[in-house]
Amino acid sequence: MDTENPPPIVILPPNESGLDVPVRPGWKADHEQLKLGKRCGNCQTPIRQHTTAVVVRMEDPEGYAEKHNVTLANARRTSTYCDVTCARRGYFNLMANLKKPK
């Protein structure tokens, strides 16, 4: 990690439910209380059980599974983030990787 130029620290309000989370078309982001502990999809921080986190999932997993000939379990996968900042970073990292030349 670059110690000379550390990344800026973003302080979010305690109630970030009003903040916008960018997602790809056909996906939705919700603030949900977790039933099981997970790790953040961006920073890998452990997220405890019963903690509110940002969960990104497909709007219509059944339609996606039928259209793309994948299993329903694969279409129901979610991405979990500890906060809105990590969800935004995850989205922008995904978009950057999708635009890379192959």
Protein backbone atom coordinates (compact mmCIF):
# COMPACT_ATOMS: atom_id res chain seq x y z
CA MET A 1 0.00 0.00 0.00
CA ASP A 2 1.19 3.51 -0.78
CA THR A 3 1.96 5.16 2.58
CA GLU A 4 2.95 8.49 1.09
CA ASN A 5 -0.45 9.05 -0.53
CA PRO A 6 -3.05 7.28 1.60
CA PRO A 7 -6.57 7.10 0.17
CA PRO A 8 -8.96 9.79 1.39
CA ILE A 9 -11.14 8.83 4.34
CA VAL A 10 -14.83 9.27 3.63
CA ILE A 11 -17.02 9.79 6.68
CA LEU A 12 -20.63 8.86 6.03
CA PRO A 13 -23.64 9.82 8.10
CA PRO A 14 -24.87 7.07 10.44
CA ASN A 15 -28.09 6.67 8.43
CA GLU A 16 -26.93 6.16 4.87
CA SER A 17 -30.20 4.69 3.59
CA GLY A 18 -30.86 7.90 1.64
CA LEU A 19 -27.58 7.68 -0.26
CA ASP A 20 -27.65 6.39 -3.82
CA VAL A 21 -25.88 3.13 -4.65
CA PRO A 22 -25.03 2.75 -8.36
CA VAL A 23 -25.87 -0.68 -9.78
CA ARG A 24 -25.92 -2.24 -13.23
CA PRO A 25 -29.24 -2.34 -15.13
CA GLY A 26 -31.35 -5.26 -13.93
CA TRP A 27 -29.84 -5.17 -10.45
CA LYS A 28 -31.04 -3.54 -7.23
CA ALA A 29 -29.37 -2.50 -3.97
CA ASP A 30 -31.07 -2.65 -0.58
CA HIS A 31 -30.10 -2.04 3.03
CA GLU A 32 -30.82 -5.34 4.78
CA GLN A 33 -30.16 -6.89 8.15
CA LEU A 34 -27.95 -9.96 7.64
CA LYS A 35 -29.11 -13.34 8.92
CA LEU A 36 -25.57 -14.74 8.74
CA GLY A 37 -22.17 -13.11 9.10
CA LYS A 38 -20.43 -12.31 5.80
CA ARG A 39 -17.46 -10.41 4.42
CA CYS A 40 -17.59 -7.15 2.50
CA GLY A 41 -17.24 -7.70 -1.24
CA ASN A 42 -14.83 -4.79 -1.52
CA CYS A 43 -12.68 -4.44 1.61
CA GLN A 44 -13.13 -7.99 2.99
CA THR A 45 -14.06 -6.65 6.43
CA PRO A 46 -16.13 -9.15 8.42
CA ILE A 47 -19.77 -8.07 8.74
CA ARG A 48 -21.42 -9.49 11.84
CA GLN A 49 -24.73 -11.30 11.96
CA HIS A 50 -27.79 -9.01 12.44
CA THR A 51 -25.87 -5.98 11.11
CA THR A 52 -27.41 -3.79 8.41
CA ALA A 53 -25.41 -3.97 5.18
CA VAL A 54 -25.82 -3.06 1.50
CA VAL A 55 -26.93 -6.12 -0.47
CA VAL A 56 -26.87 -6.05 -4.30
CA ARG A 57 -28.92 -8.65 -6.18
CA MET A 58 -30.72 -9.20 -9.48
CA GLU A 59 -34.24 -7.83 -9.83
CA ASP A 60 -35.52 -10.91 -11.71
CA PRO A 61 -33.31 -13.96 -11.05
CA GLU A 62 -35.87 -16.39 -12.53
CA GLY A 63 -36.00 -14.51 -15.84
CA TYR A 64 -32.22 -14.22 -15.96
CA ALA A 65 -31.76 -17.95 -15.31
CA GLU A 66 -34.21 -18.83 -18.06
CA LYS A 67 -32.78 -16.37 -20.59
CA HIS A 68 -29.09 -17.19 -20.03
CA ASN A 69 -29.53 -20.92 -19.32
CA VAL A 70 -27.90 -20.84 -15.86
CA THR A 71 -29.04 -22.40 -12.61
CA LEU A 72 -31.43 -20.47 -10.39
CA ALA A 73 -28.94 -20.66 -7.52
CA ASN A 74 -26.36 -18.90 -9.71
CA ALA A 75 -28.87 -16.20 -10.66
CA ARG A 76 -29.77 -15.59 -7.00
CA ARG A 77 -26.22 -14.78 -5.91
CA THR A 78 -25.75 -11.52 -4.05
CA SER A 79 -22.91 -9.13 -3.31
CA THR A 80 -22.73 -7.81 0.23
CA TYR A 81 -20.96 -4.58 1.20
CA CYS A 82 -20.35 -3.09 4.64
CA ASP A 83 -21.46 0.42 3.60
CA VAL A 84 -22.40 2.59 0.63
CA THR A 85 -18.80 3.66 0.01
CA CYS A 86 -17.67 0.06 -0.45
CA ALA A 87 -20.69 -0.65 -2.66
CA ARG A 88 -19.74 2.28 -4.90
CA ARG A 89 -16.12 1.16 -5.06
CA GLY A 90 -17.23 -2.37 -5.93
CA TYR A 91 -19.44 -1.03 -8.72
CA PHE A 92 -16.71 1.16 -10.22
CA ASN A 93 -14.14 -1.67 -9.99
CA LEU A 94 -16.58 -3.98 -11.78
CA MET A 95 -17.24 -1.42 -14.53
CA ALA A 96 -13.49 -0.83 -14.98
CA ASN A 97 -12.86 -4.57 -15.30
CA LEU A 98 -15.68 -4.98 -17.82
CA LYS A 99 -14.23 -2.19 -20.00
CA LYS A 100 -10.70 -3.64 -20.07
CA PRO A 101 -9.61 -4.79 -23.51
CA LYS A 102 -9.30 -8.55 -23.75
